[in-house]
Amino acid sequence: MPKPAIIIDTREQQPLVFNELRSVTRTLQTGDYSIAGAEHFFAVERKSLSDLASSCTKSNRPTFERELCRLRGYQFRRLLIIGKREEAVAQKYRSNIKPDALLGSLDTFEVRYDIPVVWTDDPVSAASLVERWAKKFASNISKVSYDISQGINSPSPALTN
């Protein structure tokens, strides 16, 4: 099976560097990373800890929540935070938002927008995660598509993630 290509949104200022999968730069409707051919099914929104804190402030939160709301329609969606939860607790980010408010916002986002929040230590491990998710998602979609083409009863793709 051919390997999927990762799409990097044109607005990404410091894109992740992928080692296993090729990447292309295109404008995405939602999220920072997707898969070519699955742009409406797979989306990863990436935030540094400081960017996340800024996105949760009163002035930026409405825009960020609209982004999260759009992600609800994706079969695979993640909010990928580059940083450690302990750093958030220690307020090691550039913002006046208090750690309890920031972490409370993340809890709210997970529930309100049904989006898993994943923490990762650095951009290298973040890129590795996105690649792993992209490969698994593409493999699963290919299997389900094959099963459909062969008339094989297969569980819904949403049930096989």
C-alpha atoms as a PDB file:
ATOM      1  CA  MET A   1       0.000   0.000   0.000  1.00  0.00           C
ATOM      2  CA  PRO A   2       1.387   3.458  -0.861  1.00  0.00           C
ATOM      3  CA  LYS A   3       2.218   5.693   2.066  1.00  0.00           C
ATOM      4  CA  PRO A   4      -0.053   8.687   2.650  1.00  0.00           C
ATOM      5  CA  ALA A   5       1.203  12.228   2.183  1.00  0.00           C
ATOM      6  CA  ILE A   6       0.769  14.664   5.029  1.00  0.00           C
ATOM      7  CA  ILE A   7      -0.649  18.067   4.205  1.00  0.00           C
ATOM      8  CA  ILE A   8       0.796  20.978   6.163  1.00  0.00           C
ATOM      9  CA  ASP A   9      -1.448  24.029   6.271  1.00  0.00           C
ATOM     10  CA  THR A  10       0.047  27.087   4.572  1.00  0.00           C
ATOM     11  CA  ARG A  11      -0.537  29.135   7.741  1.00  0.00           C
ATOM     12  CA  GLU A  12       1.760  26.935   9.858  1.00  0.00           C
ATOM     13  CA  GLN A  13       4.599  29.217  10.878  1.00  0.00           C
ATOM     14  CA  GLN A  14       6.933  26.498  12.192  1.00  0.00           C
ATOM     15  CA  PRO A  15       5.825  23.277  10.488  1.00  0.00           C
ATOM     16  CA  LEU A  16       6.722  19.914  11.903  1.00  0.00           C
ATOM     17  CA  VAL A  17       9.410  18.003  10.019  1.00  0.00           C
ATOM     18  CA  PHE A  18       8.350  14.539   8.936  1.00  0.00           C
ATOM     19  CA  ASN A  19      10.892  11.750   8.462  1.00  0.00           C
ATOM     20  CA  GLU A  20       8.802   8.793   7.314  1.00  0.00           C
ATOM     21  CA  LEU A  21       6.095  10.361   5.164  1.00  0.00           C
ATOM     22  CA  ARG A  22       6.367  12.977   2.476  1.00  0.00           C
ATOM     23  CA  SER A  23       4.600  16.258   3.058  1.00  0.00           C
ATOM     24  CA  VAL A  24       3.022  18.923   0.901  1.00  0.00           C
ATOM     25  CA  THR A  25       1.925  22.430   1.791  1.00  0.00           C
ATOM     26  CA  ARG A  26      -1.660  23.428   1.019  1.00  0.00           C
ATOM     27  CA  THR A  27      -4.356  25.528   2.605  1.00  0.00           C
ATOM     28  CA  LEU A  28      -6.534  23.427   4.900  1.00  0.00           C
ATOM     29  CA  GLN A  29     -10.084  24.361   5.856  1.00  0.00           C
ATOM     30  CA  THR A  30      -9.444  23.251   9.415  1.00  0.00           C
ATOM     31  CA  GLY A  31      -6.454  22.060  11.387  1.00  0.00           C
ATOM     32  CA  ASP A  32      -2.743  22.296  10.773  1.00  0.00           C
ATOM     33  CA  TYR A  33      -2.105  18.785   9.431  1.00  0.00           C
ATOM     34  CA  SER A  34      -4.142  16.372   7.352  1.00  0.00           C
ATOM     35  CA  ILE A  35      -3.747  13.560   4.818  1.00  0.00           C
ATOM     36  CA  ALA A  36      -3.884  14.115   1.059  1.00  0.00           C
ATOM     37  CA  GLY A  37      -7.180  12.680  -0.136  1.00  0.00           C
ATOM     38  CA  ALA A  38      -8.648  12.621   3.377  1.00  0.00           C
ATOM     39  CA  GLU A  39      -8.695  16.349   4.099  1.00  0.00           C
ATOM     40  CA  HIS A  40     -12.318  16.226   5.269  1.00  0.00           C
ATOM     41  CA  PHE A  41     -11.806  13.201   7.517  1.00  0.00           C
ATOM     42  CA  PHE A  42      -8.453  13.677   9.288  1.00  0.00           C
ATOM     43  CA  ALA A  43      -7.251  16.831  11.064  1.00  0.00           C
ATOM     44  CA  VAL A  44      -4.677  17.633  13.711  1.00  0.00           C
ATOM     45  CA  GLU A  45      -4.611  21.066  15.322  1.00  0.00           C
ATOM     46  CA  ARG A  46      -1.149  21.696  16.745  1.00  0.00           C
ATOM     47  CA  LYS A  47      -0.413  24.241  19.488  1.00  0.00           C
ATOM     48  CA  SER A  48       2.698  25.154  21.413  1.00  0.00           C
ATOM     49  CA  LEU A  49       2.008  25.772  25.075  1.00  0.00           C
ATOM     50  CA  SER A  50       2.315  29.553  24.632  1.00  0.00           C
ATOM     51  CA  ASP A  51       0.097  29.488  21.545  1.00  0.00           C
ATOM     52  CA  LEU A  52      -2.486  27.438  23.425  1.00  0.00           C
ATOM     53  CA  ALA A  53      -2.445  29.893  26.316  1.00  0.00           C
ATOM     54  CA  SER A  54      -2.902  32.783  23.886  1.00  0.00           C
ATOM     55  CA  SER A  55      -5.758  30.928  22.149  1.00  0.00           C
ATOM     56  CA  CYS A  56      -7.572  30.576  25.482  1.00  0.00           C
ATOM     57  CA  THR A  57      -7.562  34.295  26.310  1.00  0.00           C
ATOM     58  CA  LYS A  58     -10.761  36.301  26.142  1.00  0.00           C
ATOM     59  CA  SER A  59      -9.788  38.017  22.881  1.00  0.00           C
ATOM     60  CA  ASN A  60      -8.673  34.863  20.992  1.00  0.00           C
ATOM     61  CA  ARG A  61     -10.896  32.169  22.471  1.00  0.00           C
ATOM     62  CA  PRO A  62     -13.926  32.691  20.170  1.00  0.00           C
ATOM     63  CA  THR A  63     -11.773  32.162  17.063  1.00  0.00           C
ATOM     64  CA  PHE A  64     -10.126  29.077  18.563  1.00  0.00           C
ATOM     65  CA  GLU A  65     -13.467  27.603  19.612  1.00  0.00           C
ATOM     66  CA  ARG A  66     -14.817  28.049  16.067  1.00  0.00           C
ATOM     67  CA  GLU A  67     -11.808  26.018  14.865  1.00  0.00           C
ATOM     68  CA  LEU A  68     -12.545  23.302  17.434  1.00  0.00           C
ATOM     69  CA  CYS A  69     -16.209  23.306  16.449  1.00  0.00           C
ATOM     70  CA  ARG A  70     -15.265  22.684  12.801  1.00  0.00           C
ATOM     71  CA  LEU A  71     -13.095  19.764  13.914  1.00  0.00           C
ATOM     72  CA  ARG A  72     -16.158  17.995  15.325  1.00  0.00           C
ATOM     73  CA  GLY A  73     -17.096  16.941  11.803  1.00  0.00           C
ATOM     74  CA  TYR A  74     -13.849  15.041  11.260  1.00  0.00           C
ATOM     75  CA  GLN A  75     -13.646  11.307  11.789  1.00  0.00           C
ATOM     76  CA  PHE A  76     -10.137  11.648  13.226  1.00  0.00           C
ATOM     77  CA  ARG A  77      -9.348  14.825  15.133  1.00  0.00           C
ATOM     78  CA  ARG A  78      -6.753  15.734  17.711  1.00  0.00           C
ATOM     79  CA  LEU A  79      -5.575  18.789  19.591  1.00  0.00           C
ATOM     80  CA  LEU A  80      -1.834  18.178  19.807  1.00  0.00           C
ATOM     81  CA  ILE A  81      -0.021  20.279  22.395  1.00  0.00           C
ATOM     82  CA  ILE A  82       3.739  20.524  22.232  1.00  0.00           C
ATOM     83  CA  GLY A  83       4.745  20.887  25.843  1.00  0.00           C
ATOM     84  CA  LYS A  84       4.290  19.136  29.130  1.00  0.00           C
ATOM     85  CA  ARG A  85       1.220  19.364  31.321  1.00  0.00           C
ATOM     86  CA  GLU A  86       3.592  20.060  34.217  1.00  0.00           C
ATOM     87  CA  GLU A  87       4.833  23.142  32.339  1.00  0.00           C
ATOM     88  CA  ALA A  88       1.244  24.346  32.047  1.00  0.00           C
ATOM     89  CA  VAL A  89       0.715  23.821  35.776  1.00  0.00           C
ATOM     90  CA  ALA A  90       3.922  25.824  36.459  1.00  0.00           C
ATOM     91  CA  GLN A  91       2.724  28.554  34.043  1.00  0.00           C
ATOM     92  CA  LYS A  92       5.782  28.207  31.804  1.00  0.00           C
ATOM     93  CA  TYR A  93       4.168  30.012  28.896  1.00  0.00           C
ATOM     94  CA  ARG A  94       3.830  33.576  27.676  1.00  0.00           C
ATOM     95  CA  SER A  95       0.381  34.622  28.849  1.00  0.00           C
ATOM     96  CA  ASN A  96      -1.327  35.937  31.949  1.00  0.00           C
ATOM     97  CA  ILE A  97      -3.955  33.192  31.871  1.00  0.00           C
ATOM     98  CA  LYS A  98      -3.779  31.187  35.071  1.00  0.00           C
ATOM     99  CA  PRO A  99      -2.878  27.493  34.877  1.00  0.00           C
ATOM    100  CA  ASP A 100      -6.211  26.385  36.382  1.00  0.00           C
ATOM    101  CA  ALA A 101      -8.082  28.400  33.739  1.00  0.00           C
ATOM    102  CA  LEU A 102      -5.938  27.007  30.929  1.00  0.00           C
ATOM    103  CA  LEU A 103      -6.294  23.384  32.034  1.00  0.00           C
ATOM    104  CA  GLY A 104      -9.995  23.911  32.762  1.00  0.00           C
ATOM    105  CA  SER A 105     -10.410  25.211  29.213  1.00  0.00           C
ATOM    106  CA  LEU A 106      -8.775  22.072  27.836  1.00  0.00           C
ATOM    107  CA  ASP A 107     -11.173  19.907  29.853  1.00  0.00           C
ATOM    108  CA  THR A 108     -14.075  21.949  28.497  1.00  0.00           C
ATOM    109  CA  PHE A 109     -12.821  21.630  24.917  1.00  0.00           C
ATOM    110  CA  GLU A 110     -12.485  17.848  25.231  1.00  0.00           C
ATOM    111  CA  VAL A 111     -16.095  17.557  26.390  1.00  0.00           C
ATOM    112  CA  ARG A 112     -17.734  20.333  24.361  1.00  0.00           C
ATOM    113  CA  TYR A 113     -16.029  19.534  21.048  1.00  0.00           C
ATOM    114  CA  ASP A 114     -15.345  15.827  21.552  1.00  0.00           C
ATOM    115  CA  ILE A 115     -11.673  16.348  20.763  1.00  0.00           C
ATOM    116  CA  PRO A 116      -8.925  14.319  22.362  1.00  0.00           C
ATOM    117  CA  VAL A 117      -6.106  16.445  23.758  1.00  0.00           C
ATOM    118  CA  VAL A 118      -2.656  14.896  23.383  1.00  0.00           C
ATOM    119  CA  TRP A 119       0.478  16.275  25.043  1.00  0.00           C
ATOM    120  CA  THR A 120       3.896  15.661  23.552  1.00  0.00           C
ATOM    121  CA  ASP A 121       7.290  16.862  24.723  1.00  0.00           C
ATOM    122  CA  ASP A 122       8.775  18.323  21.557  1.00  0.00           C
ATOM    123  CA  PRO A 123       8.283  18.863  17.801  1.00  0.00           C
ATOM    124  CA  VAL A 124      10.163  15.648  16.916  1.00  0.00           C
ATOM    125  CA  SER A 125       7.804  13.469  18.963  1.00  0.00           C
ATOM    126  CA  ALA A 126       4.840  15.502  17.678  1.00  0.00           C
ATOM    127  CA  ALA A 127       5.844  14.799  14.071  1.00  0.00           C
ATOM    128  CA  SER A 128       6.242  11.110  14.885  1.00  0.00           C
ATOM    129  CA  LEU A 129       2.733  11.008  16.382  1.00  0.00           C
ATOM    130  CA  VAL A 130       1.175  12.717  13.360  1.00  0.00           C
ATOM    131  CA  GLU A 131       2.939  10.258  11.045  1.00  0.00           C
ATOM    132  CA  ARG A 132       1.790   7.268  13.104  1.00  0.00           C
ATOM    133  CA  TRP A 133      -1.814   8.526  13.171  1.00  0.00           C
ATOM    134  CA  ALA A 134      -1.749   9.267   9.424  1.00  0.00           C
ATOM    135  CA  LYS A 135      -0.431   5.795   8.551  1.00  0.00           C
ATOM    136  CA  LYS A 136      -2.988   4.029  10.774  1.00  0.00           C
ATOM    137  CA  PHE A 137      -5.862   6.150   9.509  1.00  0.00           C
ATOM    138  CA  ALA A 138      -4.920   5.650   5.846  1.00  0.00           C
ATOM    139  CA  SER A 139      -4.483   1.913   6.379  1.00  0.00           C
ATOM    140  CA  ASN A 140      -7.876   1.650   8.042  1.00  0.00           C
ATOM    141  CA  ILE A 141      -9.625   3.644   5.322  1.00  0.00           C
ATOM    142  CA  SER A 142      -7.974   1.477   2.655  1.00  0.00           C
ATOM    143  CA  LYS A 143      -9.141  -1.697   4.381  1.00  0.00           C
ATOM    144  CA  VAL A 144     -12.698  -0.436   4.760  1.00  0.00           C
ATOM    145  CA  SER A 145     -12.735   0.723   1.114  1.00  0.00           C
ATOM    146  CA  TYR A 146     -11.473  -2.691  -0.024  1.00  0.00           C
ATOM    147  CA  ASP A 147     -14.072  -4.475   2.090  1.00  0.00           C
ATOM    148  CA  ILE A 148     -16.817  -2.306   0.589  1.00  0.00           C
ATOM    149  CA  SER A 149     -15.579  -2.966  -2.949  1.00  0.00           C
ATOM    150  CA  GLN A 150     -15.612  -6.700  -2.234  1.00  0.00           C
ATOM    151  CA  GLY A 151     -19.028  -6.644  -0.553  1.00  0.00           C
ATOM    152  CA  ILE A 152     -17.524  -7.726   2.751  1.00  0.00           C
ATOM    153  CA  ASN A 153     -19.433  -6.781   5.884  1.00  0.00           C
ATOM    154  CA  SER A 154     -17.104  -4.486   7.761  1.00  0.00           C
ATOM    155  CA  PRO A 155     -17.612  -2.375  10.844  1.00  0.00           C
ATOM    156  CA  SER A 156     -18.000   1.351  10.380  1.00  0.00           C
ATOM    157  CA  PRO A 157     -14.630   3.139   9.964  1.00  0.00           C
ATOM    158  CA  ALA A 158     -15.481   5.153  13.070  1.00  0.00           C
ATOM    159  CA  LEU A 159     -15.643   1.924  15.062  1.00  0.00           C
ATOM    160  CA  THR A 160     -12.259   0.632  13.921  1.00  0.00           C
ATOM    161  CA  ASN A 161      -9.987   3.539  14.918  1.00  0.00           C
END
